[in-house]
């Protein structure tokens, strides 16, 4: 067995993003600017990856100040009472496709913790970038139901569509920097 490696997120090459249907006819996307993660592995192929992520909920950005303010309110994240959301991996399950996994973990939003499963693709490792750093890349995708986490605001439109869909698509391209 190899020594455990510690990795940090490279924030200039990582985006904690999401998208959600708006009025049932389009999608609105956004991301969180501030987050931190502890990532550990002992294997070069990351098949034993362990992740612990904390996201600052008040760092949400959707390219619309009024919407961002609403998302920070009690209708959604209530950033004053719940300043962070967290994800802690519990296991990594190999799939039939090489370098693709199901990452199981616990997601906490508004102090509601639920088990979730995200698709994780290990894109590879660059053992030495132009600055002498070792980096690894991943793509994390999946869906959550925002209602299950207490993000309950909604309006039913005359068309029968919801103003904001319950399903939130998670899209997180990640680049890690080896730190130890």
C-alpha atoms as a PDB file:
ATOM      1  CA  UNK A   1       0.000   0.000   0.000  1.00  0.00           C
ATOM      2  CA  UNK A   2       1.219   3.481  -0.854  1.00  0.00           C
ATOM      3  CA  UNK A   3       1.414   6.509   1.394  1.00  0.00           C
ATOM      4  CA  UNK A   4      -1.664   8.657   1.673  1.00  0.00           C
ATOM      5  CA  UNK A   5      -1.633  11.729  -0.553  1.00  0.00           C
ATOM      6  CA  UNK A   6      -3.345  14.980   0.362  1.00  0.00           C
ATOM      7  CA  UNK A   7      -4.812  17.197  -2.338  1.00  0.00           C
ATOM      8  CA  UNK A   8      -6.275  20.721  -2.401  1.00  0.00           C
ATOM      9  CA  UNK A   9      -8.699  22.233  -4.869  1.00  0.00           C
ATOM     10  CA  UNK A  10      -7.165  24.486  -7.494  1.00  0.00           C
ATOM     11  CA  UNK A  11      -9.821  27.255  -7.413  1.00  0.00           C
ATOM     12  CA  UNK A  12      -8.835  28.773 -10.744  1.00  0.00           C
ATOM     13  CA  UNK A  13      -9.606  25.453 -12.469  1.00  0.00           C
ATOM     14  CA  UNK A  14     -12.606  24.282 -10.429  1.00  0.00           C
ATOM     15  CA  UNK A  15     -16.249  25.344 -10.487  1.00  0.00           C
ATOM     16  CA  UNK A  16     -18.889  24.248  -7.971  1.00  0.00           C
ATOM     17  CA  UNK A  17     -21.801  24.672 -10.355  1.00  0.00           C
ATOM     18  CA  UNK A  18     -25.469  23.840 -10.683  1.00  0.00           C
ATOM     19  CA  UNK A  19     -28.420  24.434 -12.981  1.00  0.00           C
ATOM     20  CA  UNK A  20     -32.171  24.289 -12.492  1.00  0.00           C
ATOM     21  CA  UNK A  21     -35.174  24.577 -14.813  1.00  0.00           C
ATOM     22  CA  UNK A  22     -36.804  28.004 -14.775  1.00  0.00           C
ATOM     23  CA  UNK A  23     -40.481  28.318 -15.710  1.00  0.00           C
ATOM     24  CA  UNK A  24     -40.162  24.828 -17.190  1.00  0.00           C
ATOM     25  CA  UNK A  25     -38.809  26.277 -20.430  1.00  0.00           C
ATOM     26  CA  UNK A  26     -35.162  27.138 -19.797  1.00  0.00           C
ATOM     27  CA  UNK A  27     -32.371  26.607 -17.294  1.00  0.00           C
ATOM     28  CA  UNK A  28     -30.700  28.986 -14.923  1.00  0.00           C
ATOM     29  CA  UNK A  29     -27.202  28.140 -13.846  1.00  0.00           C
ATOM     30  CA  UNK A  30     -24.985  29.345 -11.088  1.00  0.00           C
ATOM     31  CA  UNK A  31     -22.033  28.507  -8.916  1.00  0.00           C
ATOM     32  CA  UNK A  32     -20.500  29.091  -5.506  1.00  0.00           C
ATOM     33  CA  UNK A  33     -17.377  31.256  -5.351  1.00  0.00           C
ATOM     34  CA  UNK A  34     -16.073  30.145  -1.946  1.00  0.00           C
ATOM     35  CA  UNK A  35     -15.451  26.566  -0.927  1.00  0.00           C
ATOM     36  CA  UNK A  36     -12.752  24.381   0.559  1.00  0.00           C
ATOM     37  CA  UNK A  37     -12.039  20.685   0.342  1.00  0.00           C
ATOM     38  CA  UNK A  38      -9.843  18.057   1.890  1.00  0.00           C
ATOM     39  CA  UNK A  39      -9.097  15.215  -0.508  1.00  0.00           C
ATOM     40  CA  UNK A  40      -7.124  12.098   0.353  1.00  0.00           C
ATOM     41  CA  UNK A  41      -6.104   8.993  -1.582  1.00  0.00           C
ATOM     42  CA  UNK A  42      -3.519   6.232  -1.321  1.00  0.00           C
ATOM     43  CA  UNK A  43      -3.910   4.900  -4.865  1.00  0.00           C
ATOM     44  CA  UNK A  44      -2.667   6.570  -8.038  1.00  0.00           C
ATOM     45  CA  UNK A  45      -5.971   5.838  -9.807  1.00  0.00           C
ATOM     46  CA  UNK A  46      -7.951   7.557  -6.997  1.00  0.00           C
ATOM     47  CA  UNK A  47     -10.128   4.456  -6.545  1.00  0.00           C
ATOM     48  CA  UNK A  48      -9.993   4.996  -2.770  1.00  0.00           C
ATOM     49  CA  UNK A  49     -10.718   8.747  -2.904  1.00  0.00           C
ATOM     50  CA  UNK A  50     -12.052  10.410   0.238  1.00  0.00           C
ATOM     51  CA  UNK A  51     -13.549  13.907   0.013  1.00  0.00           C
ATOM     52  CA  UNK A  52     -14.721  16.467   2.572  1.00  0.00           C
ATOM     53  CA  UNK A  53     -16.115  19.704   1.067  1.00  0.00           C
ATOM     54  CA  UNK A  54     -17.472  22.855   2.704  1.00  0.00           C
ATOM     55  CA  UNK A  55     -19.221  25.508   0.604  1.00  0.00           C
ATOM     56  CA  UNK A  56     -19.993  29.044   1.809  1.00  0.00           C
ATOM     57  CA  UNK A  57     -23.669  29.499   0.873  1.00  0.00           C
ATOM     58  CA  UNK A  58     -23.463  33.289   0.747  1.00  0.00           C
ATOM     59  CA  UNK A  59     -21.018  32.991  -2.167  1.00  0.00           C
ATOM     60  CA  UNK A  60     -23.769  31.898  -4.580  1.00  0.00           C
ATOM     61  CA  UNK A  61     -23.723  33.632  -7.951  1.00  0.00           C
ATOM     62  CA  UNK A  62     -26.257  33.347 -10.792  1.00  0.00           C
ATOM     63  CA  UNK A  63     -25.420  36.514 -12.734  1.00  0.00           C
ATOM     64  CA  UNK A  64     -28.490  38.293 -11.307  1.00  0.00           C
ATOM     65  CA  UNK A  65     -28.107  40.276  -8.074  1.00  0.00           C
ATOM     66  CA  UNK A  66     -31.832  40.211  -7.236  1.00  0.00           C
ATOM     67  CA  UNK A  67     -32.033  36.430  -7.725  1.00  0.00           C
ATOM     68  CA  UNK A  68     -28.836  35.902  -5.703  1.00  0.00           C
ATOM     69  CA  UNK A  69     -30.329  37.935  -2.834  1.00  0.00           C
ATOM     70  CA  UNK A  70     -33.490  35.812  -2.977  1.00  0.00           C
ATOM     71  CA  UNK A  71     -31.445  32.574  -2.988  1.00  0.00           C
ATOM     72  CA  UNK A  72     -29.634  33.782   0.145  1.00  0.00           C
ATOM     73  CA  UNK A  73     -32.960  34.389   1.952  1.00  0.00           C
ATOM     74  CA  UNK A  74     -34.971  31.935   4.062  1.00  0.00           C
ATOM     75  CA  UNK A  75     -36.922  30.898   0.936  1.00  0.00           C
ATOM     76  CA  UNK A  76     -33.784  29.019  -0.115  1.00  0.00           C
ATOM     77  CA  UNK A  77     -30.401  28.808   1.671  1.00  0.00           C
ATOM     78  CA  UNK A  78     -30.955  31.207   4.618  1.00  0.00           C
ATOM     79  CA  UNK A  79     -27.261  32.053   4.625  1.00  0.00           C
ATOM     80  CA  UNK A  80     -27.420  33.876   7.969  1.00  0.00           C
ATOM     81  CA  UNK A  81     -28.626  30.781   9.822  1.00  0.00           C
ATOM     82  CA  UNK A  82     -26.897  28.187   7.591  1.00  0.00           C
ATOM     83  CA  UNK A  83     -23.650  29.752   6.335  1.00  0.00           C
ATOM     84  CA  UNK A  84     -22.250  26.487   4.948  1.00  0.00           C
ATOM     85  CA  UNK A  85     -23.286  23.335   3.182  1.00  0.00           C
ATOM     86  CA  UNK A  86     -21.120  20.235   3.252  1.00  0.00           C
ATOM     87  CA  UNK A  87     -20.452  17.030   1.385  1.00  0.00           C
ATOM     88  CA  UNK A  88     -18.560  14.105   2.921  1.00  0.00           C
ATOM     89  CA  UNK A  89     -17.894  11.050   0.818  1.00  0.00           C
ATOM     90  CA  UNK A  90     -18.617   7.677   2.375  1.00  0.00           C
ATOM     91  CA  UNK A  91     -17.578   5.296  -0.414  1.00  0.00           C
ATOM     92  CA  UNK A  92     -16.493   5.095  -4.028  1.00  0.00           C
ATOM     93  CA  UNK A  93     -18.063   2.429  -6.207  1.00  0.00           C
ATOM     94  CA  UNK A  94     -16.387   1.365  -9.450  1.00  0.00           C
ATOM     95  CA  UNK A  95     -18.576   1.199 -12.554  1.00  0.00           C
ATOM     96  CA  UNK A  96     -18.142  -0.919 -15.672  1.00  0.00           C
ATOM     97  CA  UNK A  97     -16.268   1.972 -17.321  1.00  0.00           C
ATOM     98  CA  UNK A  98     -12.626   2.527 -16.439  1.00  0.00           C
ATOM     99  CA  UNK A  99     -11.984   5.654 -14.321  1.00  0.00           C
ATOM    100  CA  UNK A 100     -15.706   6.195 -13.686  1.00  0.00           C
ATOM    101  CA  UNK A 101     -17.234   5.790 -10.247  1.00  0.00           C
ATOM    102  CA  UNK A 102     -20.339   6.366  -8.171  1.00  0.00           C
ATOM    103  CA  UNK A 103     -19.315   8.604  -5.293  1.00  0.00           C
ATOM    104  CA  UNK A 104     -21.579   8.025  -2.297  1.00  0.00           C
ATOM    105  CA  UNK A 105     -21.715  10.562   0.469  1.00  0.00           C
ATOM    106  CA  UNK A 106     -23.725  12.737   2.799  1.00  0.00           C
ATOM    107  CA  UNK A 107     -24.842  16.175   1.641  1.00  0.00           C
ATOM    108  CA  UNK A 108     -25.927  18.713   4.246  1.00  0.00           C
ATOM    109  CA  UNK A 109     -27.906  21.816   3.280  1.00  0.00           C
ATOM    110  CA  UNK A 110     -29.794  23.872   5.917  1.00  0.00           C
ATOM    111  CA  UNK A 111     -28.808  21.298   8.570  1.00  0.00           C
ATOM    112  CA  UNK A 112     -30.638  18.564   6.630  1.00  0.00           C
ATOM    113  CA  UNK A 113     -28.308  15.681   5.819  1.00  0.00           C
ATOM    114  CA  UNK A 114     -29.225  13.160   3.127  1.00  0.00           C
ATOM    115  CA  UNK A 115     -27.272  10.413   1.390  1.00  0.00           C
ATOM    116  CA  UNK A 116     -26.530  11.239  -2.258  1.00  0.00           C
ATOM    117  CA  UNK A 117     -24.709   9.592  -5.138  1.00  0.00           C
ATOM    118  CA  UNK A 118     -22.765  11.560  -7.748  1.00  0.00           C
ATOM    119  CA  UNK A 119     -21.090  10.338 -10.911  1.00  0.00           C
ATOM    120  CA  UNK A 120     -17.341  10.888 -10.756  1.00  0.00           C
ATOM    121  CA  UNK A 121     -15.005  10.624 -13.722  1.00  0.00           C
ATOM    122  CA  UNK A 122     -11.278  10.608 -13.059  1.00  0.00           C
ATOM    123  CA  UNK A 123      -9.796  12.459 -16.069  1.00  0.00           C
ATOM    124  CA  UNK A 124      -6.141  11.811 -15.262  1.00  0.00           C
ATOM    125  CA  UNK A 125      -3.069  13.197 -13.564  1.00  0.00           C
ATOM    126  CA  UNK A 126      -0.364  15.543 -14.779  1.00  0.00           C
ATOM    127  CA  UNK A 127       2.721  14.573 -12.750  1.00  0.00           C
ATOM    128  CA  UNK A 128       4.434  17.894 -13.369  1.00  0.00           C
ATOM    129  CA  UNK A 129       2.820  21.041 -14.743  1.00  0.00           C
ATOM    130  CA  UNK A 130       4.998  23.954 -15.987  1.00  0.00           C
ATOM    131  CA  UNK A 131       5.346  25.111 -12.359  1.00  0.00           C
ATOM    132  CA  UNK A 132       6.439  21.719 -11.006  1.00  0.00           C
ATOM    133  CA  UNK A 133       3.067  20.818  -9.464  1.00  0.00           C
ATOM    134  CA  UNK A 134       1.218  17.513  -9.652  1.00  0.00           C
ATOM    135  CA  UNK A 135      -2.431  17.959 -10.648  1.00  0.00           C
ATOM    136  CA  UNK A 136      -5.391  15.632 -11.117  1.00  0.00           C
ATOM    137  CA  UNK A 137      -8.714  16.268 -12.838  1.00  0.00           C
ATOM    138  CA  UNK A 138     -12.258  15.059 -12.263  1.00  0.00           C
ATOM    139  CA  UNK A 139     -15.785  15.687 -13.472  1.00  0.00           C
ATOM    140  CA  UNK A 140     -18.553  15.333 -10.895  1.00  0.00           C
ATOM    141  CA  UNK A 141     -22.183  15.322 -12.008  1.00  0.00           C
ATOM    142  CA  UNK A 142     -25.518  14.334 -10.562  1.00  0.00           C
ATOM    143  CA  UNK A 143     -28.913  15.533  -9.422  1.00  0.00           C
ATOM    144  CA  UNK A 144     -30.511  16.391  -6.125  1.00  0.00           C
ATOM    145  CA  UNK A 145     -34.073  17.299  -5.167  1.00  0.00           C
ATOM    146  CA  UNK A 146     -33.885  20.715  -3.521  1.00  0.00           C
ATOM    147  CA  UNK A 147     -37.177  20.143  -1.662  1.00  0.00           C
ATOM    148  CA  UNK A 148     -35.514  17.338   0.323  1.00  0.00           C
ATOM    149  CA  UNK A 149     -33.046  19.889   1.722  1.00  0.00           C
ATOM    150  CA  UNK A 150     -35.597  22.514   2.780  1.00  0.00           C
ATOM    151  CA  UNK A 151     -35.226  24.771  -0.285  1.00  0.00           C
ATOM    152  CA  UNK A 152     -39.012  24.886  -0.605  1.00  0.00           C
ATOM    153  CA  UNK A 153     -39.884  28.215  -2.273  1.00  0.00           C
ATOM    154  CA  UNK A 154     -41.986  27.851  -5.365  1.00  0.00           C
ATOM    155  CA  UNK A 155     -44.739  29.382  -7.435  1.00  0.00           C
ATOM    156  CA  UNK A 156     -47.041  27.456  -9.739  1.00  0.00           C
ATOM    157  CA  UNK A 157     -47.467  29.308 -13.020  1.00  0.00           C
ATOM    158  CA  UNK A 158     -50.693  29.514 -15.024  1.00  0.00           C
ATOM    159  CA  UNK A 159     -49.119  27.096 -17.507  1.00  0.00           C
ATOM    160  CA  UNK A 160     -48.871  24.450 -14.790  1.00  0.00           C
ATOM    161  CA  UNK A 161     -45.067  24.765 -14.700  1.00  0.00           C
ATOM    162  CA  UNK A 162     -43.180  25.537 -11.530  1.00  0.00           C
ATOM    163  CA  UNK A 163     -41.190  28.771 -11.408  1.00  0.00           C
ATOM    164  CA  UNK A 164     -38.228  26.740 -10.099  1.00  0.00           C
ATOM    165  CA  UNK A 165     -37.938  22.997 -10.701  1.00  0.00           C
ATOM    166  CA  UNK A 166     -37.274  20.641  -7.807  1.00  0.00           C
ATOM    167  CA  UNK A 167     -34.446  18.837  -9.625  1.00  0.00           C
ATOM    168  CA  UNK A 168     -31.090  20.594  -9.412  1.00  0.00           C
ATOM    169  CA  UNK A 169     -28.328  19.399 -11.722  1.00  0.00           C
ATOM    170  CA  UNK A 170     -24.870  19.372 -10.145  1.00  0.00           C
ATOM    171  CA  UNK A 171     -21.878  20.000 -12.417  1.00  0.00           C
ATOM    172  CA  UNK A 172     -18.434  20.283 -10.842  1.00  0.00           C
ATOM    173  CA  UNK A 173     -15.269  20.161 -12.938  1.00  0.00           C
ATOM    174  CA  UNK A 174     -12.427  19.790 -10.449  1.00  0.00           C
ATOM    175  CA  UNK A 175      -8.675  20.207 -10.666  1.00  0.00           C
ATOM    176  CA  UNK A 176      -6.692  19.123  -7.622  1.00  0.00           C
ATOM    177  CA  UNK A 177      -3.203  20.153  -6.576  1.00  0.00           C
ATOM    178  CA  UNK A 178      -1.116  17.623  -4.676  1.00  0.00           C
ATOM    179  CA  UNK A 179       0.027  19.203  -1.407  1.00  0.00           C
ATOM    180  CA  UNK A 180       1.496  16.250   0.492  1.00  0.00           C
END
